[in-house]
Protein backbone atom coordinates (compact mmCIF):
# COMPACT_ATOMS: atom_id res chain seq x y z
CA MET A 1 41.99 256.69 253.89
CA LEU A 2 42.99 258.04 250.52
CA ASN A 3 44.10 261.61 250.11
CA GLN A 4 42.29 263.87 247.69
CA ALA A 5 43.48 262.97 244.21
CA LEU A 6 44.89 265.52 241.79
CA PRO A 7 42.65 265.42 238.69
CA VAL A 8 44.12 266.77 235.49
CA GLY A 9 41.99 267.35 232.42
CA PRO A 10 41.97 269.13 229.12
CA GLN A 11 40.18 272.21 230.45
CA GLY A 12 43.10 274.12 231.90
CA PHE A 13 44.27 270.96 233.63
CA SER A 14 41.51 271.28 236.21
CA VAL A 15 39.05 268.63 237.29
CA SER A 16 35.83 268.34 235.36
CA ARG A 17 32.83 268.23 237.68
CA ALA A 18 30.63 266.33 235.25
CA TYR A 19 30.02 263.17 237.28
CA TYR A 20 28.45 261.21 234.43
CA TRP A 21 29.91 257.70 234.60
CA LEU A 22 29.52 254.23 233.23
CA GLY A 23 27.29 252.18 235.51
CA VAL A 24 28.87 249.35 237.49
CA ALA A 25 27.14 246.30 238.91
CA VAL A 26 27.47 246.02 242.65
CA ALA A 27 24.92 243.28 243.30
CA LEU A 28 24.27 239.86 241.85
CA LEU A 29 23.02 240.17 238.28
CA PRO A 30 20.99 237.23 237.00
CA PHE A 31 21.32 236.52 233.31
CA GLY A 32 17.99 234.74 233.12
CA VAL A 33 16.75 233.19 229.90
CA LEU A 34 17.57 235.39 226.94
CA GLY A 35 14.61 236.12 224.69
CA ALA A 36 14.77 236.32 220.92
CA GLU A 37 14.50 240.10 220.99
CA ASP A 38 17.68 240.28 223.09
CA TRP A 39 19.96 238.64 220.56
CA PRO A 40 22.55 239.15 219.18
CA THR A 41 23.31 241.91 221.72
CA ASP A 42 26.67 241.32 223.39
CA PRO A 43 26.03 240.12 226.99
CA ALA A 44 29.06 242.10 228.14
CA GLN A 45 27.08 245.26 227.46
CA ARG A 46 24.43 244.25 230.01
CA LEU A 47 26.71 244.00 232.99
CA SER A 48 26.20 247.44 234.44
CA PRO A 49 22.93 249.14 235.35
CA PRO A 50 23.08 252.85 234.44
CA GLU A 51 21.88 253.99 237.87
CA LEU A 52 20.94 252.81 241.33
CA GLN A 53 17.73 250.87 241.76
CA SER A 54 15.00 252.85 243.54
CA ASP A 55 15.03 250.55 246.57
CA GLN A 56 18.78 251.12 247.01
CA VAL A 57 18.62 254.93 247.08
CA PRO A 58 17.51 255.37 250.74
CA GLY A 59 20.42 253.29 251.98
CA ILE A 60 22.92 255.22 249.86
CA ARG A 61 21.51 258.56 251.09
CA ALA A 62 21.95 257.36 254.66
CA LEU A 63 25.63 256.69 253.95
CA PHE A 64 26.12 260.19 252.54
CA GLU A 65 24.54 261.68 255.67
CA LYS A 66 26.94 259.70 257.86
CA LEU A 67 29.83 261.52 256.18
CA GLY A 68 29.01 264.39 258.50
CA ALA A 69 29.03 262.29 261.70
CA ALA A 70 31.06 263.56 264.63
CA ASP A 71 32.64 260.11 265.08
CA PHE A 72 35.59 259.64 262.72
CA GLU A 73 35.13 255.86 262.53
CA LYS A 74 31.51 256.26 261.41
CA ARG A 75 32.52 258.76 258.73
CA ASP A 76 35.30 256.47 257.52
CA GLU A 77 33.01 253.42 257.49
CA ALA A 78 30.40 255.28 255.43
CA LEU A 79 33.02 256.52 252.97
CA ARG A 80 34.41 253.04 252.43
CA ALA A 81 30.91 251.66 251.92
CA LEU A 82 30.20 254.28 249.24
CA VAL A 83 33.46 253.53 247.45
CA GLN A 84 32.66 249.81 247.43
CA ARG A 85 29.36 250.51 245.67
CA GLY A 86 31.28 251.99 242.79
CA SER A 87 30.20 254.42 240.10
CA PRO A 88 26.38 254.15 240.47
CA VAL A 89 26.61 256.35 243.59
CA LEU A 90 28.32 259.19 241.74
CA LYS A 91 25.10 260.74 240.48
CA LEU A 92 23.98 261.21 244.08
CA ALA A 93 27.47 262.51 244.90
CA GLU A 94 26.76 265.48 242.61
CA GLU A 95 23.78 266.36 244.76
CA TYR A 96 25.63 265.95 248.06
CA ALA A 97 28.59 268.00 246.77
CA LYS A 98 26.27 271.03 247.38
CA HIS A 99 25.28 269.90 250.88
CA PRO A 100 25.25 272.65 253.54
CA THR A 101 27.43 270.52 255.84
CA ALA A 102 30.99 271.26 254.74
CA GLU A 103 32.37 267.79 255.58
CA ILE A 104 29.64 265.98 253.61
CA ALA A 105 30.10 268.31 250.61
CA SER A 106 33.88 267.91 250.68
CA GLN A 107 33.77 264.10 250.85
CA ALA A 108 31.11 263.94 248.13
CA ARG A 109 33.25 266.07 245.81
CA GLY A 110 36.19 263.72 246.31
CA LEU A 111 34.20 260.51 245.94
CA ARG A 112 34.69 260.14 242.18
CA ALA A 113 38.47 260.14 242.54
CA ARG A 114 38.26 257.66 245.42
CA VAL A 115 36.12 255.29 243.35
CA LEU A 116 38.60 255.49 240.48
CA LEU A 117 41.53 254.72 242.79
CA ALA A 118 40.02 252.12 245.12
CA TYR A 119 36.96 250.39 243.61
CA ASP A 120 37.92 246.91 242.42
CA GLY A 121 34.57 245.99 240.85
CA TYR A 122 33.85 245.94 237.15
CA LEU A 123 34.68 249.31 235.59
CA PRO A 124 35.00 248.99 231.80
CA VAL A 125 37.03 251.42 229.72
CA ALA A 126 34.83 253.88 227.85
CA PRO A 127 34.86 253.27 224.07
CA LYS A 128 35.97 256.86 223.41
CA LEU A 129 39.06 256.48 225.61
CA GLU A 130 39.78 253.03 224.21
CA GLU A 131 39.73 254.41 220.68
CA ALA A 132 41.95 257.34 221.64
CA LEU A 133 44.61 255.12 223.23
CA ALA A 134 44.60 252.81 220.18
CA ARG A 135 45.38 255.63 217.75
CA PRO A 136 48.80 255.59 216.06
CA TYR A 137 51.06 258.12 217.69
CA VAL A 138 53.09 259.36 214.72
CA GLN A 139 51.34 262.72 214.36
CA ASN A 140 50.56 263.18 218.05
CA ILE A 141 54.19 262.91 219.11
CA GLU A 142 54.90 266.15 217.25
CA GLU A 143 52.21 267.94 219.27
CA GLY A 144 53.78 266.71 222.51
CA ALA A 145 57.24 267.64 221.25
CA ALA A 146 56.11 271.19 220.57
CA VAL A 147 55.07 271.53 224.22
CA ALA A 148 58.07 269.77 225.75
CA GLU A 149 60.77 271.37 223.63
CA SER A 150 59.34 274.88 223.96
CA GLY A 151 60.31 274.89 227.62
CA ALA A 152 56.69 275.29 228.74
CA ALA A 153 56.91 271.85 230.33
CA GLY A 154 60.40 270.55 230.93
CA GLY A 155 60.04 267.23 232.73
CA VAL A 156 58.55 263.82 232.23
CA PHE A 157 55.51 264.59 234.35
CA ASP A 158 54.84 267.89 232.57
CA SER A 159 55.13 266.18 229.19
CA LEU A 160 52.57 263.58 230.27
CA VAL A 161 50.14 266.21 231.53
CA ALA A 162 50.56 268.39 228.45
CA THR A 163 50.00 265.54 226.00
CA ALA A 164 46.90 264.35 227.87
CA GLY A 165 45.50 267.87 227.62
CA LEU A 166 46.29 268.16 223.92
CA GLN A 167 44.60 264.82 223.26
CA GLY A 168 41.47 265.67 225.25
CA ILE A 169 42.12 262.86 227.76
CA GLU A 170 41.30 263.40 231.43
CA LEU A 171 44.24 262.40 233.62
CA LEU A 172 43.86 261.49 237.29
CA VAL A 173 47.08 261.50 239.31
CA ASP A 174 47.21 259.36 242.43
CA PRO A 175 48.61 261.57 245.22
CA GLU A 176 50.06 258.52 246.98
CA ALA A 177 52.20 257.90 243.90
CA THR A 178 53.62 261.40 243.55
CA ALA A 179 54.03 261.85 247.32
CA ARG A 180 56.26 258.81 247.71
CA GLU A 181 59.79 259.42 248.98
CA GLY A 182 62.32 259.70 246.19
CA TRP A 183 59.79 260.43 243.44
CA VAL A 184 61.18 263.18 241.24
CA PRO A 185 59.97 263.95 237.70
CA GLY A 186 63.05 263.53 235.56
CA ALA A 187 64.16 265.15 232.36
CA PHE A 188 62.37 263.88 229.29
CA VAL A 189 62.76 265.14 225.76
CA ILE A 190 60.37 263.99 223.02
CA ARG A 191 62.34 263.80 219.81
CA GLN A 192 60.73 264.99 216.61
CA GLY A 193 59.53 261.98 214.61
CA GLN A 194 60.06 259.53 217.48
CA ARG A 195 57.48 256.76 217.08
CA SER A 196 55.45 254.77 219.57
CA PRO A 197 52.95 252.32 218.07
CA THR A 198 49.91 253.86 219.81
CA LEU A 199 49.04 256.73 222.08
CA GLY A 200 48.43 254.18 224.85
CA ASP A 201 51.94 252.80 224.39
CA TRP A 202 53.36 256.31 224.63
CA PHE A 203 51.56 257.01 227.92
CA GLY A 204 52.76 253.65 229.22
CA ASN A 205 56.37 254.38 228.31
CA VAL A 206 56.30 257.83 229.88
CA GLY A 207 54.68 256.38 233.00
CA LEU A 208 57.54 253.89 233.27
CA ALA A 209 60.02 256.75 232.93
CA LEU A 210 58.38 258.18 236.06
CA GLY A 211 58.53 254.83 237.83
CA LEU A 212 54.72 254.73 237.68
CA GLU A 213 52.00 253.11 235.58
CA VAL A 214 48.98 254.37 233.67
CA VAL A 215 45.67 252.51 233.90
CA PRO A 216 42.53 253.41 231.88
CA ARG A 217 39.47 253.53 234.16
CA GLY A 218 36.12 254.35 232.60
CA ASP A 219 36.78 257.53 230.63
CA VAL A 220 39.79 258.61 232.71
CA LEU A 221 43.48 257.70 232.55
CA VAL A 222 44.89 257.07 236.05
CA LEU A 223 48.58 257.58 236.87
CA THR A 224 49.54 255.57 239.95
CA HIS A 225 52.20 253.40 241.55
CA ALA A 226 52.72 249.76 240.54
CA THR A 227 50.96 248.22 243.55
CA ARG A 228 47.73 250.10 243.02
CA ALA A 229 47.97 249.65 239.25
CA GLN A 230 48.01 245.88 239.64
CA MET A 231 44.96 246.05 241.91
CA LEU A 232 43.04 248.25 239.47
CA LYS A 233 43.88 246.03 236.50
CA ARG A 234 42.30 243.00 238.17
CA GLN A 235 38.57 243.63 238.53
CA ARG A 236 35.98 241.44 240.22
CA HIS A 237 32.36 240.61 239.49
CA THR A 238 29.77 238.18 240.81
CA PHE A 239 27.29 236.49 238.47
CA ASP A 240 24.03 234.98 239.68
CA TRP A 241 23.42 231.52 238.27
CA SER A 242 21.01 230.33 240.98
CA HIS A 243 18.34 229.66 238.32
CA TRP A 244 20.59 226.89 236.93
CA LYS A 245 19.89 224.84 240.09
CA LEU A 246 23.49 223.62 240.38
CA ASP A 247 24.64 221.49 243.27
CA LYS A 248 28.11 222.13 244.71
CA GLU A 249 29.79 219.42 242.61
CA GLU A 250 28.25 220.58 239.32
CA ALA A 251 29.08 224.23 240.08
CA GLN A 252 32.71 223.23 240.59
CA ARG A 253 32.76 221.24 237.34
CA VAL A 254 31.38 224.15 235.32
CA SER A 255 33.84 226.61 236.84
CA ASP A 256 36.75 224.22 236.22
CA THR A 257 35.73 224.07 232.57
CA LEU A 258 35.53 227.86 232.32
CA ARG A 259 39.06 228.29 233.70
CA ALA A 260 40.44 227.20 230.31
CA PHE A 261 39.06 230.43 228.81
CA PHE A 262 41.04 232.78 231.06
CA PRO A 263 44.72 233.50 231.76
CA PRO A 264 45.57 230.94 234.47
CA VAL A 265 47.85 233.06 236.66
CA SER A 266 45.92 236.34 236.81
CA THR A 267 42.38 234.93 237.10
CA GLU A 268 40.53 233.80 240.24
CA VAL A 269 37.33 231.80 239.82
CA GLN A 270 35.25 231.07 242.93
CA PRO A 271 32.10 228.98 242.31
CA GLY A 272 29.09 228.48 244.52
CA SER A 273 25.78 226.77 243.89
CA ALA A 274 24.05 230.16 243.54
CA ALA A 275 26.75 232.44 242.11
CA LEU A 276 30.09 232.58 240.35
CA SER A 277 32.65 235.15 241.45
CA ILE A 278 35.46 235.99 239.08
CA ARG A 279 38.40 238.36 239.30
CA GLY A 280 40.95 239.00 236.60
CA ALA A 281 42.70 241.24 234.12
CA SER A 282 41.04 243.59 231.64
CA GLY A 283 38.60 241.67 229.46
CA THR A 284 38.02 238.88 231.99
CA ILE A 285 34.60 240.06 233.21
CA ALA A 286 33.29 240.70 229.69
CA ARG A 287 34.41 237.23 228.60
CA ALA A 288 32.76 235.61 231.62
CA ALA A 289 29.47 237.34 230.77
CA ARG A 290 29.61 235.94 227.23
CA LEU A 291 30.48 232.41 228.30
CA LEU A 292 27.69 232.28 230.87
CA ALA A 293 25.20 233.56 228.30
CA LEU A 294 26.26 230.74 225.97
CA LEU A 295 25.73 228.20 228.75
CA GLU A 296 22.20 229.38 229.54
CA PRO A 297 19.87 226.33 229.38
CA GLU A 298 17.70 228.05 226.76
CA GLY A 299 20.43 230.28 225.35
CA ARG A 300 20.93 230.40 221.60
CA ASP A 301 24.05 229.52 219.67
CA ALA A 302 26.16 232.66 219.19
CA GLN A 303 29.63 234.12 219.03
CA TRP A 304 31.26 237.40 220.05
CA PRO A 305 32.58 239.36 218.29
CA GLU A 306 29.90 238.45 215.78
CA ARG A 307 30.83 237.04 212.38
CA THR A 308 30.76 239.35 209.38
CA ASP A 309 28.33 238.82 206.53
CA GLY A 310 31.17 238.46 204.05
CA PHE A 311 32.75 235.41 205.70
CA SER A 312 32.45 232.01 203.97
CA THR A 313 33.70 228.91 205.79
CA GLN A 314 34.07 226.97 202.55
CA ALA A 315 36.07 229.72 200.86
CA ALA A 316 38.34 230.02 203.91
CA LEU A 317 38.89 226.26 204.03
CA ASP A 318 39.71 226.17 200.31
CA ARG A 319 42.40 228.80 200.85
CA LEU A 320 43.85 227.20 203.96
CA ALA A 321 43.94 223.67 202.51
CA ARG A 322 45.84 224.75 199.38
CA PRO A 323 49.20 222.90 199.24
CA VAL A 324 52.29 225.12 199.24
CA SER A 325 56.02 224.50 199.51
CA LEU A 326 58.66 226.46 201.37
CA PHE A 327 62.36 225.63 201.40
CA MET A 328 63.94 228.18 203.70
CA ASN A 329 67.53 227.98 204.90
CA HIS A 330 68.25 231.13 206.93
CA THR A 331 65.73 233.03 204.82
CA ASP A 332 63.96 236.21 205.90
CA LEU A 333 60.19 236.52 206.23
CA VAL A 334 59.81 238.84 203.24
CA GLN A 335 61.20 236.18 200.91
CA ALA A 336 58.77 233.63 202.35
CA LEU A 337 55.82 235.95 201.72
CA SER A 338 57.01 236.58 198.16
CA GLU A 339 57.33 232.84 197.53
CA LEU A 340 53.80 232.14 198.79
CA LYS A 341 52.47 234.89 196.54
CA ARG A 342 54.30 233.32 193.59
CA GLN A 343 52.45 230.06 194.35
CA ASN A 344 49.08 231.89 194.18
CA ALA A 345 48.71 231.74 197.95
CA PRO A 346 49.01 235.41 198.96
CA VAL A 347 49.37 236.07 202.68
CA ALA A 348 48.62 239.41 204.30
CA LEU A 349 50.76 240.97 207.01
CA TRP A 350 49.00 243.05 209.68
CA VAL A 351 51.01 245.53 211.73
CA GLU A 352 49.29 247.94 214.13
CA GLY A 353 45.97 247.43 212.35
CA LYS A 354 47.35 248.17 208.87
CA ARG A 355 47.34 245.49 206.19
CA TYR A 356 50.38 244.92 203.95
CA GLU A 357 50.21 242.62 200.92
CA HIS A 358 53.49 243.49 199.21
CA GLU A 359 56.74 245.34 199.72
CA PRO A 360 57.70 247.69 201.24
CA TYR A 361 56.82 246.03 204.53
CA PRO A 362 56.96 247.97 207.83
CA PRO A 363 60.29 248.26 209.70
CA GLU A 364 58.97 246.32 212.72
CA ILE A 365 59.71 242.99 211.00
CA GLU A 366 63.34 243.86 210.28
CA GLY A 367 64.37 242.50 213.68
CA LEU A 368 63.30 238.95 212.82
CA ALA A 369 66.00 236.30 212.82
CA PRO A 370 66.48 234.29 209.57
CA ILE A 371 64.09 231.33 209.34
CA ARG A 372 64.78 227.66 208.61
CA LEU A 373 61.78 225.71 207.33
CA GLN A 374 61.44 222.83 204.87
CA LEU A 375 57.88 221.94 203.84
CA LYS A 376 56.65 220.36 200.63
CA ASP A 377 53.01 220.35 199.47
CA HIS A 378 51.85 221.33 202.95
CA PRO A 379 48.46 222.99 203.57
CA LEU A 380 48.76 226.78 203.70
CA GLY A 381 47.05 227.02 207.11
CA LEU A 382 49.54 224.61 208.70
CA THR A 383 52.45 226.25 206.86
CA LEU A 384 51.51 229.60 208.37
CA ARG A 385 51.52 228.04 211.82
CA TRP A 386 55.11 226.86 211.32
CA LEU A 387 56.16 230.14 209.77
CA ALA A 388 54.90 232.05 212.83
CA HIS A 389 56.40 229.47 215.21
CA ARG A 390 59.86 229.71 213.66
CA SER A 391 59.79 233.54 213.47
CA VAL A 392 61.56 235.08 216.46
CA TRP A 393 63.03 238.50 217.10
CA VAL A 394 66.63 239.01 218.13
CA GLY A 395 67.60 241.19 221.06
CA ALA A 396 65.20 243.00 223.39
CA GLU A 397 62.35 242.94 220.85
CA ARG A 398 62.03 239.21 221.48
CA GLU A 399 60.30 240.05 224.77
CA ILE A 400 57.97 242.58 223.12
CA PHE A 401 56.74 241.12 219.83
CA ARG A 402 55.54 237.83 218.45
CA LEU A 403 54.23 236.83 215.05
CA VAL A 404 50.76 235.27 215.06
CA ALA A 405 49.23 233.34 212.18
CA GLU A 406 45.50 233.84 211.79
CA VAL A 407 42.58 234.26 209.41
CA ASP A 408 40.78 237.60 209.44
CA ALA A 409 37.01 238.08 209.58
CA SER A 410 36.78 237.98 205.77
CA GLY A 411 38.63 234.65 205.53
CA GLN A 412 41.97 236.12 204.41
CA PRO A 413 44.94 234.17 205.87
CA GLY A 414 47.87 236.15 207.15
CA LEU A 415 50.43 236.94 209.82
CA ARG A 416 49.93 239.58 212.50
CA LEU A 417 52.48 241.39 214.60
CA ALA A 418 51.25 241.10 218.18
CA ARG A 419 52.43 242.13 221.59
CA ALA A 420 54.06 239.24 223.46
CA ALA A 421 51.87 239.93 226.50
CA ASN A 422 48.60 239.53 224.61
CA GLY A 423 46.83 236.24 225.12
CA ILE A 424 43.60 234.30 224.95
CA LEU A 425 41.42 237.21 226.06
CA GLU A 426 41.95 238.63 222.56
CA TRP A 427 40.15 235.67 220.99
CA ALA A 428 36.51 235.46 220.07
CA VAL A 429 34.24 233.04 221.94
CA GLY A 430 31.28 231.08 220.66
CA GLY A 431 28.98 228.29 221.68
CA MET A 432 26.80 225.57 220.17
CA ASP A 433 24.30 223.14 221.63
CA VAL A 434 25.74 219.73 220.66
CA ARG A 435 23.41 217.48 222.63
CA PHE A 436 22.07 216.12 219.34
CA LEU A 437 25.34 214.13 219.17
CA THR A 438 24.93 212.48 222.59
CA PRO A 439 24.90 208.65 222.27
CA SER A 440 21.53 207.16 223.16
CA ASN A 441 23.05 205.08 225.97
CA LEU A 442 24.39 208.17 227.79
CA ALA A 443 22.48 210.62 229.96
CA ASP A 444 23.47 214.28 230.04
CA GLY A 445 26.35 214.80 232.45
CA PRO A 446 30.16 214.72 232.78
CA LYS A 447 30.62 211.46 230.85
CA ALA A 448 28.44 212.64 227.97
CA ASP A 449 30.37 215.94 227.81
CA GLU A 450 33.66 214.05 227.68
CA VAL A 451 32.43 211.84 224.83
CA LEU A 452 31.06 214.82 222.88
CA GLN A 453 34.31 216.77 223.19
CA ALA A 454 36.38 213.82 221.96
CA LEU A 455 33.95 213.25 219.06
CA LEU A 456 34.05 216.90 217.94
CA LEU A 457 37.85 216.99 218.01
CA LYS A 458 38.12 213.72 216.10
CA GLU A 459 35.70 214.64 213.32
CA LEU A 460 36.22 218.40 213.03
CA GLY A 461 39.86 218.61 214.15
CA PRO A 462 41.31 218.15 210.62
CA TYR A 463 39.29 221.19 209.48
CA LEU A 464 39.82 223.38 212.52
CA GLU A 465 43.55 222.68 212.59
CA LEU A 466 43.82 224.63 209.33
CA PHE A 467 42.79 227.78 211.23
CA PRO A 468 46.02 228.87 212.91
CA SER A 469 44.41 230.18 216.11
CA PHE A 470 42.68 226.88 216.92
CA GLU A 471 44.51 224.73 219.50
CA PRO A 472 42.74 221.48 220.47
CA THR A 473 44.00 221.53 224.07
CA LEU A 474 42.90 225.14 224.61
CA SER A 475 40.18 226.07 222.15
CA LEU A 476 37.33 223.60 222.75
CA ARG A 477 35.43 222.50 225.84
CA VAL A 478 32.04 220.79 226.22
CA VAL A 479 30.06 221.29 229.41
CA ARG A 480 26.34 220.72 230.10
CA GLY A 481 25.89 219.72 226.46
CA LYS A 482 27.21 223.05 225.13
CA ALA A 483 30.40 223.28 223.08
CA LEU A 484 32.40 226.40 223.96
CA VAL A 485 35.14 227.46 221.59
CA GLN A 486 37.75 230.24 221.69
CA ALA A 487 39.84 231.22 218.67
CA SER A 488 39.87 233.88 215.96
CA PRO A 489 36.39 235.04 214.84
CA ALA A 490 36.88 233.15 211.57
CA ALA A 491 37.76 229.88 213.34
CA VAL A 492 34.78 230.18 215.70
CA ALA A 493 32.46 230.88 212.76
CA ALA A 494 33.86 227.86 210.90
CA PHE A 495 33.31 225.60 213.91
CA ARG A 496 29.69 226.70 214.18
CA ASP A 497 29.09 226.18 210.43
CA LEU A 498 30.61 222.69 210.55
CA VAL A 499 28.43 221.72 213.54
CA ARG A 500 25.34 223.07 211.72
CA GLU A 501 26.21 221.01 208.65
CA TRP A 502 26.63 217.92 210.84
CA LYS A 503 23.24 218.50 212.45
CA ALA A 504 21.49 219.15 209.12
CA ASN A 505 22.97 216.12 207.33
CA GLY A 506 22.96 213.69 210.24
CA LYS A 507 26.65 212.90 209.72
CA PRO A 508 29.97 214.71 210.17
CA PRO A 509 31.40 216.69 207.25
CA ALA A 510 33.62 214.63 204.94
CA ALA A 511 37.25 214.81 206.01
CA PRO A 512 39.57 217.13 204.03
CA SER A 513 41.42 215.52 201.15
CA GLY A 514 44.62 213.71 202.03
CA GLU A 515 45.41 210.83 204.35
CA ARG A 516 44.84 211.50 208.03
CA MET A 517 47.95 211.47 210.19
CA ASP A 518 46.56 208.80 212.53
CA ALA A 519 46.08 206.51 209.53
CA ILE A 520 49.63 207.20 208.34
CA LEU A 521 51.09 206.26 211.71
CA GLU A 522 49.18 202.96 211.79
CA ARG A 523 50.45 202.09 208.31
CA LYS A 524 52.57 198.90 208.23
CA VAL A 525 55.94 199.05 206.48
CA GLU A 526 58.77 196.64 205.85
CA TRP A 527 61.57 197.75 208.12
CA ASN A 528 65.31 197.03 208.11
CA GLY A 529 67.49 199.46 210.01
CA THR A 530 70.76 197.61 209.50
CA GLY A 531 73.58 200.03 208.74
CA LEU A 532 71.62 203.21 209.47
CA THR A 533 73.08 206.15 211.37
CA ALA A 534 71.28 208.92 213.21
CA GLY A 535 71.24 211.06 210.05
CA THR A 536 70.22 208.37 207.57
CA LEU A 537 67.61 207.04 210.01
CA LEU A 538 65.57 210.25 209.82
CA LYS A 539 65.82 210.29 206.02
CA GLN A 540 64.51 206.74 205.89
CA LEU A 541 61.61 207.54 208.22
CA ARG A 542 60.71 210.59 206.10
CA LYS A 543 60.70 208.42 202.99
CA LEU A 544 58.53 205.70 204.53
CA SER A 545 55.99 208.07 206.09
CA GLY A 546 55.92 210.75 203.40
CA CYS A 547 55.85 213.28 206.27
CA ALA A 548 58.14 216.10 207.28
CA ILE A 549 60.11 215.40 210.46
CA PHE A 550 61.30 218.44 212.43
CA LEU A 551 63.85 218.55 215.21
CA GLU A 552 62.53 221.09 217.71
CA ASP A 553 64.38 222.77 220.57
CA GLY A 554 63.32 221.74 224.06
CA PRO A 555 61.06 223.84 226.31
CA ARG A 556 64.07 225.47 228.01
CA GLY A 557 65.98 226.01 224.78
CA GLU A 558 67.78 222.67 224.73
CA PRO A 559 69.24 222.19 221.24
CA ALA A 560 67.55 219.70 218.93
CA TYR A 561 70.46 217.27 218.80
CA PHE A 562 70.09 213.51 219.04
CA LYS A 563 73.02 211.21 219.59
CA LEU A 564 72.50 207.57 218.57
CA THR A 565 74.86 204.66 218.29
CA ARG A 566 74.64 202.50 215.15
CA GLU A 567 73.00 199.81 217.22
CA GLN A 568 70.39 202.25 218.52
CA ALA A 569 69.74 203.63 215.01
CA GLN A 570 68.56 200.20 213.82
CA LEU A 571 65.48 200.59 216.02
CA LEU A 572 63.16 197.57 215.97
CA PRO A 573 64.20 194.22 214.45
CA PRO A 574 63.77 193.79 210.68
CA GLY A 575 60.26 192.90 209.60
CA THR A 576 56.79 194.41 209.36
CA GLN A 577 56.35 197.33 211.76
CA THR A 578 53.95 200.25 212.09
CA LEU A 579 55.36 203.74 211.74
CA LYS A 580 54.03 204.55 215.19
CA ALA A 581 56.03 201.69 216.70
CA LEU A 582 59.18 202.93 214.93
CA PHE A 583 58.76 206.47 216.28
CA ASP A 584 58.05 205.10 219.75
CA ASP A 585 61.31 203.17 219.64
CA LEU A 586 63.22 206.18 218.27
CA ALA A 587 62.00 208.24 221.23
CA ARG A 588 63.03 205.48 223.65
CA GLN A 589 66.49 205.04 222.14
CA SER A 590 67.29 208.76 221.90
CA GLY A 591 65.63 209.94 225.10
CA ALA A 592 63.46 212.24 223.00
CA GLN A 593 59.73 212.92 222.80
CA TRP A 594 57.81 212.73 219.55
CA ALA A 595 54.46 214.20 218.61
CA VAL A 596 52.33 215.19 215.63
CA ARG A 597 52.05 218.97 215.33
CA TRP A 598 50.49 220.88 212.48
CA GLY A 599 50.88 218.03 210.00
CA VAL A 600 54.52 217.41 210.94
CA ILE A 601 56.19 214.79 213.16
CA THR A 602 58.31 216.59 215.73
CA LEU A 603 61.16 215.30 217.86
CA THR A 604 61.93 217.28 221.00
CA PRO A 605 64.91 216.69 223.33
CA GLY A 606 64.13 214.78 226.49
CA PRO A 607 66.25 213.24 229.25
CA ALA A 608 69.44 211.83 227.75
CA ALA A 609 69.20 208.12 226.97
CA PRO A 610 71.92 205.91 228.52
CA GLN A 611 74.62 204.85 226.06
CA PRO A 612 75.51 201.13 225.90
CA GLU A 613 78.87 200.53 227.58
CA GLY A 614 81.78 200.17 225.17
CA VAL A 615 79.78 201.10 222.08
CA GLN A 616 81.00 204.09 220.07
CA PRO A 617 78.55 206.32 218.17
């Protein structure tokens, strides 16, 4: 059993007895068929009923009464059952906190803390707390410093408590965390002007200084040990899809498709013919609700977050397809941004929610290593992908930050400073019914879905590739005739507009200007590699293809170095060859792997190719 938690809040650091709480679903929740009046409400907002259903109340009251049983095991069993029902029971807990039986009243008063520390069902963070933790911490750090440096609170723990109080955030301290052997609040001085990106980051850093972690739960910030923190961060929920009439095999196929929309390591997906159970990190349950709403047999096409009225797919595509050139040899990012602006292709830089379009840029980008990049007349969208890919931080910041290329909701292309830990749960999701594209000789089912997915990627891929967040292997799946897509809100909106145009016109949108890469690779050329070396070979291939060729480091950091003898550098015999055949032979001779990525042919180190005996490079 859990000990009574120590609640700390803004009102004199005492617990607030207002048991109002966000509702949490504890039973199967059918989505049903969504009516027109329900849209475009976010399905994630429908997950939790605000209170217990009337037919559930008698059973819950019986559990509260058992808290006063003489038998310890019965009391403990009832308490655990109440905790597992989550926050909907807390309203009744207020009533039973005044019960004449002392044991029942005591357990009822402590139930809220127990739910916060042990309930693993869906418990979303309250918007007010979410907004507070996202605030920049520049001005707030001075408030905390005033408390810490005055001597009123001298340690790490006291600084944490004081700042939570000043910010109006209720703090719940797990007694198991602070009671652990060897736990001692250490010295912690907040320096004037010291900067953490957000208030949430500051609480996280101070928690680490204590050897603990902070986890937002509903409208409370919980301070606990790492083991419990990991449990609280991974919430579970069960969705009822019995009205879909899935057999076991089809339920498994749908759930396998949905796995692509969640972090693979931290997410558990358990399908059944009647329900889908899912457990994962923050944001997982909300995303699952949206995806299942999109897959409803009569569900409408939609996306979340919703597109803004000011977004134009055509205007965004015009910007992203604009040819630009960058010739960077150990050049910093600021120079690259200035050069793009000079070419009438301005690129925004977003750092901590603030947009920068010119110097001075924020100090966070000063830790970037110099960039090497050679691109001529390359589409801006693909150029931004390479610019973000080649931008890495030196030192410890490499594990913290990454640069992400994207298009904002208004269609403005740019680069965003992101946390390295952030992933696909940040993306928007959307869905379209694409059964109008099903070939007449195919019935709905797995084969039809496979054909539809390949067709969409073939015809719309050249457009979607211009949106930096769209990755063909991750972003698009077709299941049960519905196309599900995950990317930036702008990319999802563009996908939906392109599919609508296809449906309205009866044919796919015309391909963007310029020769498609697959056509380039099938082009036949007159080849003669006599006398070429490894260096001159790549120059010749660049000339024949008209494409940039990049040497990329291997997946484990292997240097992009290719050693070829003169005999190997000749590649195929003289005569008419396709460019694809030449690159295939180059990969075979050098032990490398080649691919087309973002409009560029890349060569990545592979297993070393055997050198012919007696032949010198």
